[in-house]
Amino acid sequence: YLDSNSEGEHCGSLSQYAYIEKVRPKVNVFGHIHEDYGHIIKQWKNT
């Protein structure tokens, strides 16, 4: 999720995603990966 560097590599945290998938917060705000500024909305299945 907005974690791609200039080489196209995904640099995000799998553990953090597992937490988000479980808790489903309204928002996750972050930075760190300068190349992938922007926003995405994830609709959780069957909810």
All heavy atoms as atom14 arrays in JSON, in Angstrom:
{
  "sequence": "YLDSNSEGEHCGSLSQYAYIEKVRPKVNVFGHIHEDYGHIIKQWKNT",
  "atom14_mask": [
    [1, 1, 1, 1, 1, 1, 1, 1, 1, 1, 1, 1, 0, 0],
    [1, 1, 1, 1, 1, 1, 1, 1, 0, 0, 0, 0, 0, 0],
    [1, 1, 1, 1, 1, 1, 1, 1, 0, 0, 0, 0, 0, 0],
    [1, 1, 1, 1, 1, 1, 0, 0, 0, 0, 0, 0, 0, 0],
    [1, 1, 1, 1, 1, 1, 1, 1, 0, 0, 0, 0, 0, 0],
    [1, 1, 1, 1, 1, 1, 0, 0, 0, 0, 0, 0, 0, 0],
    [1, 1, 1, 1, 1, 1, 1, 1, 1, 0, 0, 0, 0, 0],
    [1, 1, 1, 1, 0, 0, 0, 0, 0, 0, 0, 0, 0, 0],
    [1, 1, 1, 1, 1, 1, 1, 1, 1, 0, 0, 0, 0, 0],
    [1, 1, 1, 1, 1, 1, 1, 1, 1, 1, 0, 0, 0, 0],
    [1, 1, 1, 1, 1, 1, 0, 0, 0, 0, 0, 0, 0, 0],
    [1, 1, 1, 1, 0, 0, 0, 0, 0, 0, 0, 0, 0, 0],
    [1, 1, 1, 1, 1, 1, 0, 0, 0, 0, 0, 0, 0, 0],
    [1, 1, 1, 1, 1, 1, 1, 1, 0, 0, 0, 0, 0, 0],
    [1, 1, 1, 1, 1, 1, 0, 0, 0, 0, 0, 0, 0, 0],
    [1, 1, 1, 1, 1, 1, 1, 1, 1, 0, 0, 0, 0, 0],
    [1, 1, 1, 1, 1, 1, 1, 1, 1, 1, 1, 1, 0, 0],
    [1, 1, 1, 1, 1, 0, 0, 0, 0, 0, 0, 0, 0, 0],
    [1, 1, 1, 1, 1, 1, 1, 1, 1, 1, 1, 1, 0, 0],
    [1, 1, 1, 1, 1, 1, 1, 1, 0, 0, 0, 0, 0, 0],
    [1, 1, 1, 1, 1, 1, 1, 1, 1, 0, 0, 0, 0, 0],
    [1, 1, 1, 1, 1, 1, 1, 1, 1, 0, 0, 0, 0, 0],
    [1, 1, 1, 1, 1, 1, 1, 0, 0, 0, 0, 0, 0, 0],
    [1, 1, 1, 1, 1, 1, 1, 1, 1, 1, 1, 0, 0, 0],
    [1, 1, 1, 1, 1, 1, 1, 0, 0, 0, 0, 0, 0, 0],
    [1, 1, 1, 1, 1, 1, 1, 1, 1, 0, 0, 0, 0, 0],
    [1, 1, 1, 1, 1, 1, 1, 0, 0, 0, 0, 0, 0, 0],
    [1, 1, 1, 1, 1, 1, 1, 1, 0, 0, 0, 0, 0, 0],
    [1, 1, 1, 1, 1, 1, 1, 0, 0, 0, 0, 0, 0, 0],
    [1, 1, 1, 1, 1, 1, 1, 1, 1, 1, 1, 0, 0, 0],
    [1, 1, 1, 1, 0, 0, 0, 0, 0, 0, 0, 0, 0, 0],
    [1, 1, 1, 1, 1, 1, 1, 1, 1, 1, 0, 0, 0, 0],
    [1, 1, 1, 1, 1, 1, 1, 1, 0, 0, 0, 0, 0, 0],
    [1, 1, 1, 1, 1, 1, 1, 1, 1, 1, 0, 0, 0, 0],
    [1, 1, 1, 1, 1, 1, 1, 1, 1, 0, 0, 0, 0, 0],
    [1, 1, 1, 1, 1, 1, 1, 1, 0, 0, 0, 0, 0, 0],
    [1, 1, 1, 1, 1, 1, 1, 1, 1, 1, 1, 1, 0, 0],
    [1, 1, 1, 1, 0, 0, 0, 0, 0, 0, 0, 0, 0, 0],
    [1, 1, 1, 1, 1, 1, 1, 1, 1, 1, 0, 0, 0, 0],
    [1, 1, 1, 1, 1, 1, 1, 1, 0, 0, 0, 0, 0, 0],
    [1, 1, 1, 1, 1, 1, 1, 1, 0, 0, 0, 0, 0, 0],
    [1, 1, 1, 1, 1, 1, 1, 1, 1, 0, 0, 0, 0, 0],
    [1, 1, 1, 1, 1, 1, 1, 1, 1, 0, 0, 0, 0, 0],
    [1, 1, 1, 1, 1, 1, 1, 1, 1, 1, 1, 1, 1, 1],
    [1, 1, 1, 1, 1, 1, 1, 1, 1, 0, 0, 0, 0, 0],
    [1, 1, 1, 1, 1, 1, 1, 1, 0, 0, 0, 0, 0, 0],
    [1, 1, 1, 1, 1, 1, 1, 0, 0, 0, 0, 0, 0, 0]
  ],
  "atom14_positions": [
    [[0.84, -1.2, 0.0], [0.0, 0.0, 0.0], [0.88, 1.25, 0.0], [1.42, 1.64, 1.02], [-0.96, -0.02, 1.19], [-2.07, -1.01, 0.99], [-1.86, -2.36, 1.28], [-3.3, -0.64, 0.45], [-2.85, -3.3, 1.06], [-4.3, -1.57, 0.24], [-4.08, -2.89, 0.54], [-5.07, -3.83, 0.3], [0.0, 0.0, 0.0], [0.0, 0.0, 0.0]],
    [[1.04, 1.85, -1.18], [1.83, 3.07, -1.32], [3.23, 2.88, -0.74], [3.76, 3.75, -0.05], [1.11, 4.26, -0.67], [-0.3, 4.54, -1.21], [-1.0, 5.59, -0.36], [-0.23, 4.98, -2.68], [0.0, 0.0, 0.0], [0.0, 0.0, 0.0], [0.0, 0.0, 0.0], [0.0, 0.0, 0.0], [0.0, 0.0, 0.0], [0.0, 0.0, 0.0]],
    [[3.82, 1.74, -1.06], [5.11, 1.36, -0.48], [6.18, 1.05, -1.51], [7.2, 0.44, -1.2], [4.94, 0.15, 0.45], [4.61, -1.14, -0.3], [4.03, -1.07, -1.41], [4.93, -2.22, 0.22], [0.0, 0.0, 0.0], [0.0, 0.0, 0.0], [0.0, 0.0, 0.0], [0.0, 0.0, 0.0], [0.0, 0.0, 0.0], [0.0, 0.0, 0.0]],
    [[5.99, 1.48, -2.77], [6.94, 1.15, -3.83], [8.06, 2.17, -3.92], [7.8, 3.38, -4.01], [6.22, 1.07, -5.18], [5.28, 0.02, -5.19], [0.0, 0.0, 0.0], [0.0, 0.0, 0.0], [0.0, 0.0, 0.0], [0.0, 0.0, 0.0], [0.0, 0.0, 0.0], [0.0, 0.0, 0.0], [0.0, 0.0, 0.0], [0.0, 0.0, 0.0]],
    [[9.29, 1.68, -3.95], [10.44, 2.59, -4.1], [10.73, 2.81, -5.58], [9.99, 2.35, -6.46], [11.66, 2.07, -3.35], [12.19, 0.75, -3.9], [11.84, 0.33, -5.01], [13.03, 0.09, -3.13], [0.0, 0.0, 0.0], [0.0, 0.0, 0.0], [0.0, 0.0, 0.0], [0.0, 0.0, 0.0], [0.0, 0.0, 0.0], [0.0, 0.0, 0.0]],
    [[11.82, 3.5, -5.88], [12.15, 3.85, -7.26], [12.48, 2.62, -8.12], [12.43, 2.69, -9.35], [13.32, 4.83, -7.3], [14.46, 4.27, -6.65], [0.0, 0.0, 0.0], [0.0, 0.0, 0.0], [0.0, 0.0, 0.0], [0.0, 0.0, 0.0], [0.0, 0.0, 0.0], [0.0, 0.0, 0.0], [0.0, 0.0, 0.0], [0.0, 0.0, 0.0]],
    [[12.79, 1.51, -7.47], [13.08, 0.27, -8.19], [11.83, -0.59, -8.37], [11.91, -1.7, -8.92], [14.15, -0.53, -7.44], [15.45, 0.21, -7.2], [16.15, 0.62, -8.48], [16.11, -0.18, -9.44], [16.7, 1.74, -8.53], [0.0, 0.0, 0.0], [0.0, 0.0, 0.0], [0.0, 0.0, 0.0], [0.0, 0.0, 0.0], [0.0, 0.0, 0.0]],
    [[10.71, -0.11, -7.88], [9.47, -0.88, -7.96], [9.34, -1.93, -6.88], [8.43, -2.77, -6.93], [0.0, 0.0, 0.0], [0.0, 0.0, 0.0], [0.0, 0.0, 0.0], [0.0, 0.0, 0.0], [0.0, 0.0, 0.0], [0.0, 0.0, 0.0], [0.0, 0.0, 0.0], [0.0, 0.0, 0.0], [0.0, 0.0, 0.0], [0.0, 0.0, 0.0]],
    [[10.22, -1.89, -5.89], [10.18, -2.87, -4.8], [9.16, -2.43, -3.74], [9.06, -1.24, -3.43], [11.55, -2.99, -4.15], [12.63, -3.46, -5.09], [14.02, -3.29, -4.5], [14.27, -2.31, -3.78], [14.87, -4.16, -4.77], [0.0, 0.0, 0.0], [0.0, 0.0, 0.0], [0.0, 0.0, 0.0], [0.0, 0.0, 0.0], [0.0, 0.0, 0.0]],
    [[8.43, -3.38, -3.2], [7.48, -3.09, -2.12], [8.21, -3.16, -0.78], [8.76, -4.2, -0.42], [6.31, -4.07, -2.16], [5.42, -3.86, -3.34], [4.5, -2.83, -3.41], [5.32, -4.55, -4.51], [3.87, -2.89, -4.57], [4.35, -3.92, -5.26], [0.0, 0.0, 0.0], [0.0, 0.0, 0.0], [0.0, 0.0, 0.0], [0.0, 0.0, 0.0]],
    [[8.22, -2.05, -0.07], [9.03, -1.91, 1.14], [8.21, -1.89, 2.43], [8.75, -1.65, 3.5], [9.86, -0.63, 1.05], [10.87, -0.5, -0.42], [0.0, 0.0, 0.0], [0.0, 0.0, 0.0], [0.0, 0.0, 0.0], [0.0, 0.0, 0.0], [0.0, 0.0, 0.0], [0.0, 0.0, 0.0], [0.0, 0.0, 0.0], [0.0, 0.0, 0.0]],
    [[6.91, -2.11, 2.33], [6.06, -2.0, 3.5], [6.15, -3.19, 4.43], [6.78, -4.21, 4.13], [0.0, 0.0, 0.0], [0.0, 0.0, 0.0], [0.0, 0.0, 0.0], [0.0, 0.0, 0.0], [0.0, 0.0, 0.0], [0.0, 0.0, 0.0], [0.0, 0.0, 0.0], [0.0, 0.0, 0.0], [0.0, 0.0, 0.0], [0.0, 0.0, 0.0]],
    [[5.48, -3.06, 5.56], [5.52, -4.07, 6.62], [4.36, -5.06, 6.49], [3.19, -4.66, 6.53], [5.45, -3.38, 7.99], [5.2, -4.32, 9.02], [0.0, 0.0, 0.0], [0.0, 0.0, 0.0], [0.0, 0.0, 0.0], [0.0, 0.0, 0.0], [0.0, 0.0, 0.0], [0.0, 0.0, 0.0], [0.0, 0.0, 0.0], [0.0, 0.0, 0.0]],
    [[4.69, -6.34, 6.37], [3.68, -7.38, 6.33], [2.95, -7.48, 7.66], [1.72, -7.64, 7.71], [4.33, -8.73, 5.99], [3.41, -9.95, 6.01], [2.29, -9.81, 5.0], [4.23, -11.22, 5.74], [0.0, 0.0, 0.0], [0.0, 0.0, 0.0], [0.0, 0.0, 0.0], [0.0, 0.0, 0.0], [0.0, 0.0, 0.0], [0.0, 0.0, 0.0]],
    [[3.67, -7.36, 8.75], [3.07, -7.45, 10.08], [2.09, -6.31, 10.33], [1.03, -6.49, 10.93], [4.16, -7.44, 11.15], [5.12, -8.43, 10.91], [0.0, 0.0, 0.0], [0.0, 0.0, 0.0], [0.0, 0.0, 0.0], [0.0, 0.0, 0.0], [0.0, 0.0, 0.0], [0.0, 0.0, 0.0], [0.0, 0.0, 0.0], [0.0, 0.0, 0.0]],
    [[2.47, -5.13, 9.87], [1.58, -3.97, 10.0], [0.3, -4.18, 9.2], [-0.8, -3.87, 9.67], [2.31, -2.71, 9.53], [1.52, -1.42, 9.67], [2.36, -0.23, 9.23], [3.56, -0.16, 9.51], [1.75, 0.71, 8.55], [0.0, 0.0, 0.0], [0.0, 0.0, 0.0], [0.0, 0.0, 0.0], [0.0, 0.0, 0.0], [0.0, 0.0, 0.0]],
    [[0.44, -4.72, 7.99], [-0.76, -4.99, 7.19], [-1.66, -6.02, 7.88], [-2.89, -5.87, 7.89], [-0.43, -5.48, 5.79], [-1.69, -5.81, 5.02], [-2.48, -4.79, 4.5], [-2.13, -7.12, 4.9], [-3.67, -5.07, 3.86], [-3.32, -7.42, 4.26], [-4.09, -6.39, 3.74], [-5.28, -6.67, 3.12], [0.0, 0.0, 0.0], [0.0, 0.0, 0.0]],
    [[-1.08, -7.07, 8.44], [-1.88, -8.1, 9.14], [-2.67, -7.47, 10.28], [-3.83, -7.83, 10.52], [-0.97, -9.21, 9.65], [0.0, 0.0, 0.0], [0.0, 0.0, 0.0], [0.0, 0.0, 0.0], [0.0, 0.0, 0.0], [0.0, 0.0, 0.0], [0.0, 0.0, 0.0], [0.0, 0.0, 0.0], [0.0, 0.0, 0.0], [0.0, 0.0, 0.0]],
    [[-2.03, -6.54, 10.99], [-2.72, -5.83, 12.06], [-3.89, -5.01, 11.5], [-5.0, -5.04, 12.05], [-1.75, -4.92, 12.8], [-2.42, -3.94, 13.74], [-2.84, -4.34, 15.0], [-2.66, -2.63, 13.35], [-3.49, -3.46, 15.85], [-3.29, -1.73, 14.19], [-3.71, -2.15, 15.44], [-4.35, -1.27, 16.27], [0.0, 0.0, 0.0], [0.0, 0.0, 0.0]],
    [[-3.65, -4.29, 10.43], [-4.69, -3.45, 9.83], [-5.84, -4.3, 9.32], [-7.01, -3.95, 9.49], [-4.09, -2.59, 8.7], [-3.13, -1.56, 9.28], [-5.19, -1.91, 7.89], [-2.3, -0.83, 8.24], [0.0, 0.0, 0.0], [0.0, 0.0, 0.0], [0.0, 0.0, 0.0], [0.0, 0.0, 0.0], [0.0, 0.0, 0.0], [0.0, 0.0, 0.0]],
    [[-5.53, -5.43, 8.72], [-6.56, -6.33, 8.22], [-7.44, -6.84, 9.35], [-8.66, -6.99, 9.19], [-5.91, -7.51, 7.49], [-6.89, -8.43, 6.81], [-6.2, -9.53, 6.05], [-5.17, -10.05, 6.54], [-6.67, -9.89, 4.95], [0.0, 0.0, 0.0], [0.0, 0.0, 0.0], [0.0, 0.0, 0.0], [0.0, 0.0, 0.0], [0.0, 0.0, 0.0]],
    [[-6.83, -7.06, 10.51], [-7.58, -7.54, 11.68], [-8.42, -6.43, 12.32], [-9.6, -6.62, 12.64], [-6.61, -8.11, 12.72], [-7.29, -8.6, 14.0], [-6.26, -9.08, 15.01], [-5.47, -7.93, 15.61], [-4.6, -8.36, 16.73], [0.0, 0.0, 0.0], [0.0, 0.0, 0.0], [0.0, 0.0, 0.0], [0.0, 0.0, 0.0], [0.0, 0.0, 0.0]],
    [[-7.83, -5.26, 12.49], [-8.47, -4.17, 13.24], [-9.33, -3.28, 12.36], [-10.33, -2.73, 12.82], [-7.38, -3.34, 13.96], [-7.96, -2.12, 14.65], [-6.62, -4.21, 14.95], [0.0, 0.0, 0.0], [0.0, 0.0, 0.0], [0.0, 0.0, 0.0], [0.0, 0.0, 0.0], [0.0, 0.0, 0.0], [0.0, 0.0, 0.0], [0.0, 0.0, 0.0]],
    [[-8.96, -3.11, 11.12], [-9.67, -2.27, 10.15], [-9.86, -0.84, 10.66], [-10.99, -0.36, 10.8], [-11.01, -2.89, 9.8], [-10.88, -4.25, 9.15], [-12.21, -4.94, 8.97], [-12.04, -6.28, 8.43], [-13.03, -7.17, 8.31], [-14.26, -6.85, 8.69], [-12.78, -8.37, 7.81], [0.0, 0.0, 0.0], [0.0, 0.0, 0.0], [0.0, 0.0, 0.0]],
    [[-8.77, -0.14, 10.92], [-8.89, 1.26, 11.32], [-9.45, 2.08, 10.16], [-9.4, 1.67, 9.0], [-7.44, 1.67, 11.62], [-6.61, 0.76, 10.77], [-7.36, -0.55, 10.76], [0.0, 0.0, 0.0], [0.0, 0.0, 0.0], [0.0, 0.0, 0.0], [0.0, 0.0, 0.0], [0.0, 0.0, 0.0], [0.0, 0.0, 0.0], [0.0, 0.0, 0.0]],
    [[-9.98, 3.25, 10.48], [-10.52, 4.11, 9.43], [-9.41, 4.66, 8.53], [-9.61, 4.83, 7.33], [-11.29, 5.26, 10.06], [-12.54, 4.83, 10.83], [-13.21, 6.02, 11.5], [-14.44, 5.57, 12.28], [-15.09, 6.73, 12.98], [0.0, 0.0, 0.0], [0.0, 0.0, 0.0], [0.0, 0.0, 0.0], [0.0, 0.0, 0.0], [0.0, 0.0, 0.0]],
    [[-8.26, 4.92, 9.15], [-7.16, 5.57, 8.42], [-5.82, 5.02, 8.88], [-5.63, 4.75, 10.07], [-7.19, 7.1, 8.66], [-5.95, 7.77, 8.05], [-8.45, 7.72, 8.09], [0.0, 0.0, 0.0], [0.0, 0.0, 0.0], [0.0, 0.0, 0.0], [0.0, 0.0, 0.0], [0.0, 0.0, 0.0], [0.0, 0.0, 0.0], [0.0, 0.0, 0.0]],
    [[-4.88, 4.87, 7.94], [-3.47, 4.67, 8.27], [-2.69, 5.78, 7.57], [-2.69, 5.87, 6.34], [-2.98, 3.31, 7.81], [-1.52, 3.0, 8.14], [-0.93, 2.1, 7.59], [-0.94, 3.74, 9.07], [0.0, 0.0, 0.0], [0.0, 0.0, 0.0], [0.0, 0.0, 0.0], [0.0, 0.0, 0.0], [0.0, 0.0, 0.0], [0.0, 0.0, 0.0]],
    [[-2.06, 6.65, 8.37], [-1.23, 7.74, 7.86], [0.23, 7.35, 8.02], [0.65, 6.9, 9.08], [-1.49, 9.04, 8.66], [-0.62, 10.17, 8.14], [-2.95, 9.43, 8.58], [0.0, 0.0, 0.0], [0.0, 0.0, 0.0], [0.0, 0.0, 0.0], [0.0, 0.0, 0.0], [0.0, 0.0, 0.0], [0.0, 0.0, 0.0], [0.0, 0.0, 0.0]],
    [[1.02, 7.55, 6.97], [2.43, 7.17, 7.03], [3.22, 7.96, 6.0], [2.67, 8.76, 5.23], [2.6, 5.66, 6.79], [1.91, 5.17, 5.54], [2.55, 5.25, 4.3], [0.62, 4.65, 5.59], [1.92, 4.8, 3.15], [-0.02, 4.2, 4.43], [0.63, 4.28, 3.22], [0.0, 0.0, 0.0], [0.0, 0.0, 0.0], [0.0, 0.0, 0.0]],
    [[4.53, 7.71, 5.98], [5.41, 8.33, 5.0], [6.49, 7.34, 4.62], [6.22, 6.25, 4.16], [0.0, 0.0, 0.0], [0.0, 0.0, 0.0], [0.0, 0.0, 0.0], [0.0, 0.0, 0.0], [0.0, 0.0, 0.0], [0.0, 0.0, 0.0], [0.0, 0.0, 0.0], [0.0, 0.0, 0.0], [0.0, 0.0, 0.0], [0.0, 0.0, 0.0]],
    [[7.76, 7.74, 4.81], [8.93, 6.87, 4.67], [9.32, 6.59, 3.22], [10.49, 6.75, 2.85], [8.7, 5.57, 5.43], [9.9, 4.68, 5.57], [11.14, 5.17, 5.93], [10.04, 3.33, 5.4], [11.99, 4.15, 5.99], [11.36, 3.05, 5.66], [0.0, 0.0, 0.0], [0.0, 0.0, 0.0], [0.0, 0.0, 0.0], [0.0, 0.0, 0.0]],
    [[8.37, 6.17, 2.38], [8.66, 5.87, 0.99], [8.32, 7.1, 0.15], [7.17, 7.34, -0.23], [7.87, 4.64, 0.5], [8.12, 3.44, 1.44], [8.28, 4.28, -0.93], [9.59, 3.05, 1.57], [0.0, 0.0, 0.0], [0.0, 0.0, 0.0], [0.0, 0.0, 0.0], [0.0, 0.0, 0.0], [0.0, 0.0, 0.0], [0.0, 0.0, 0.0]],
    [[9.34, 7.87, -0.15], [9.16, 9.17, -0.8], [8.54, 9.07, -2.19], [7.92, 10.01, -2.67], [10.5, 9.89, -0.9], [11.1, 10.3, 0.4], [11.54, 11.58, 0.65], [11.34, 9.6, 1.55], [12.03, 11.66, 1.88], [11.92, 10.46, 2.45], [0.0, 0.0, 0.0], [0.0, 0.0, 0.0], [0.0, 0.0, 0.0], [0.0, 0.0, 0.0]],
    [[8.73, 7.93, -2.85], [8.3, 7.79, -4.24], [6.81, 7.52, -4.39], [6.29, 7.54, -5.52], [9.07, 6.64, -4.92], [10.57, 6.83, -4.98], [11.31, 6.25, -3.78], [10.71, 6.16, -2.69], [12.49, 5.91, -3.95], [0.0, 0.0, 0.0], [0.0, 0.0, 0.0], [0.0, 0.0, 0.0], [0.0, 0.0, 0.0], [0.0, 0.0, 0.0]],
    [[6.08, 7.24, -3.29], [4.71, 6.73, -3.44], [3.69, 7.57, -2.68], [2.74, 7.05, -2.09], [4.64, 5.27, -2.99], [3.82, 4.41, -3.95], [3.18, 4.99, -4.84], [3.82, 3.17, -3.78], [0.0, 0.0, 0.0], [0.0, 0.0, 0.0], [0.0, 0.0, 0.0], [0.0, 0.0, 0.0], [0.0, 0.0, 0.0], [0.0, 0.0, 0.0]],
    [[3.86, 8.88, -2.74], [2.9, 9.82, -2.15], [1.51, 9.63, -2.77], [1.37, 9.36, -3.96], [3.39, 11.24, -2.43], [2.44, 12.37, -2.12], [2.37, 12.92, -0.83], [1.64, 12.92, -3.11], [1.52, 13.99, -0.56], [0.79, 13.98, -2.84], [0.73, 14.52, -1.56], [-0.1, 15.57, -1.3], [0.0, 0.0, 0.0], [0.0, 0.0, 0.0]],
    [[0.48, 9.75, -1.94], [-0.88, 9.65, -2.45], [-1.8, 8.95, -1.46], [-1.47, 8.81, -0.28], [0.0, 0.0, 0.0], [0.0, 0.0, 0.0], [0.0, 0.0, 0.0], [0.0, 0.0, 0.0], [0.0, 0.0, 0.0], [0.0, 0.0, 0.0], [0.0, 0.0, 0.0], [0.0, 0.0, 0.0], [0.0, 0.0, 0.0], [0.0, 0.0, 0.0]],
    [[-2.96, 8.52, -1.94], [-3.87, 7.79, -1.05], [-4.63, 6.71, -1.81], [-4.83, 6.78, -3.02], [-4.84, 8.74, -0.35], [-5.95, 9.26, -1.21], [-5.8, 10.32, -2.07], [-7.23, 8.84, -1.36], [-6.93, 10.56, -2.68], [-7.82, 9.68, -2.29], [0.0, 0.0, 0.0], [0.0, 0.0, 0.0], [0.0, 0.0, 0.0], [0.0, 0.0, 0.0]],
    [[-5.01, 5.68, -1.07], [-5.77, 4.54, -1.56], [-6.82, 4.19, -0.52], [-6.57, 4.28, 0.68], [-4.86, 3.3, -1.78], [-3.84, 3.53, -2.88], [-5.7, 2.06, -2.11], [-2.85, 2.39, -3.03], [0.0, 0.0, 0.0], [0.0, 0.0, 0.0], [0.0, 0.0, 0.0], [0.0, 0.0, 0.0], [0.0, 0.0, 0.0], [0.0, 0.0, 0.0]],
    [[-8.0, 3.78, -0.98], [-9.03, 3.32, -0.06], [-9.24, 1.82, -0.27], [-9.46, 1.36, -1.4], [-10.35, 4.08, -0.27], [-10.15, 5.56, 0.08], [-11.46, 3.47, 0.6], [-11.37, 6.41, -0.15], [0.0, 0.0, 0.0], [0.0, 0.0, 0.0], [0.0, 0.0, 0.0], [0.0, 0.0, 0.0], [0.0, 0.0, 0.0], [0.0, 0.0, 0.0]],
    [[-9.15, 1.08, 0.82], [-9.35, -0.37, 0.79], [-10.73, -0.71, 1.36], [-11.01, -0.41, 2.53], [-8.26, -1.07, 1.63], [-8.52, -2.53, 1.98], [-8.31, -3.45, 0.8], [-8.42, -4.9, 1.22], [-8.18, -5.83, 0.09], [0.0, 0.0, 0.0], [0.0, 0.0, 0.0], [0.0, 0.0, 0.0], [0.0, 0.0, 0.0], [0.0, 0.0, 0.0]],
    [[-11.59, -1.29, 0.54], [-12.9, -1.75, 1.0], [-12.76, -3.19, 1.46], [-12.31, -4.06, 0.7], [-13.92, -1.65, -0.14], [-15.33, -2.06, 0.26], [-15.97, -1.06, 1.19], [-15.91, 0.14, 0.95], [-16.6, -1.55, 2.26], [0.0, 0.0, 0.0], [0.0, 0.0, 0.0], [0.0, 0.0, 0.0], [0.0, 0.0, 0.0], [0.0, 0.0, 0.0]],
    [[-13.11, -3.45, 2.7], [-12.96, -4.79, 3.23], [-14.11, -5.68, 2.78], [-15.28, -5.26, 2.82], [-12.88, -4.75, 4.76], [-11.69, -3.96, 5.23], [-11.69, -2.71, 5.77], [-10.32, -4.37, 5.17], [-10.41, -2.31, 6.06], [-9.54, -3.31, 5.7], [-9.67, -5.52, 4.73], [-8.16, -3.36, 5.8], [-8.28, -5.59, 4.82], [-7.55, -4.52, 5.35]],
    [[-13.79, -6.89, 2.36], [-14.78, -7.79, 1.78], [-15.88, -8.13, 2.78], [-15.64, -8.33, 3.97], [-14.1, -9.09, 1.32], [-13.21, -8.92, 0.1], [-12.63, -10.26, -0.33], [-11.75, -10.1, -1.57], [-11.16, -11.39, -2.0], [0.0, 0.0, 0.0], [0.0, 0.0, 0.0], [0.0, 0.0, 0.0], [0.0, 0.0, 0.0], [0.0, 0.0, 0.0]],
    [[-17.09, -8.19, 2.26], [-18.28, -8.62, 3.01], [-18.58, -7.73, 4.22], [-19.17, -8.18, 5.19], [-18.13, -10.08, 3.46], [-17.9, -11.01, 2.3], [-18.54, -10.9, 1.26], [-16.95, -11.94, 2.47], [0.0, 0.0, 0.0], [0.0, 0.0, 0.0], [0.0, 0.0, 0.0], [0.0, 0.0, 0.0], [0.0, 0.0, 0.0], [0.0, 0.0, 0.0]],
    [[-18.13, -6.47, 4.16], [-18.41, -5.52, 5.24], [-18.69, -4.15, 4.62], [-18.48, -3.92, 3.43], [-17.22, -5.36, 6.21], [-16.21, -4.58, 5.59], [-16.65, -6.7, 6.63], [0.0, 0.0, 0.0], [0.0, 0.0, 0.0], [0.0, 0.0, 0.0], [0.0, 0.0, 0.0], [0.0, 0.0, 0.0], [0.0, 0.0, 0.0], [0.0, 0.0, 0.0]]
  ]
}
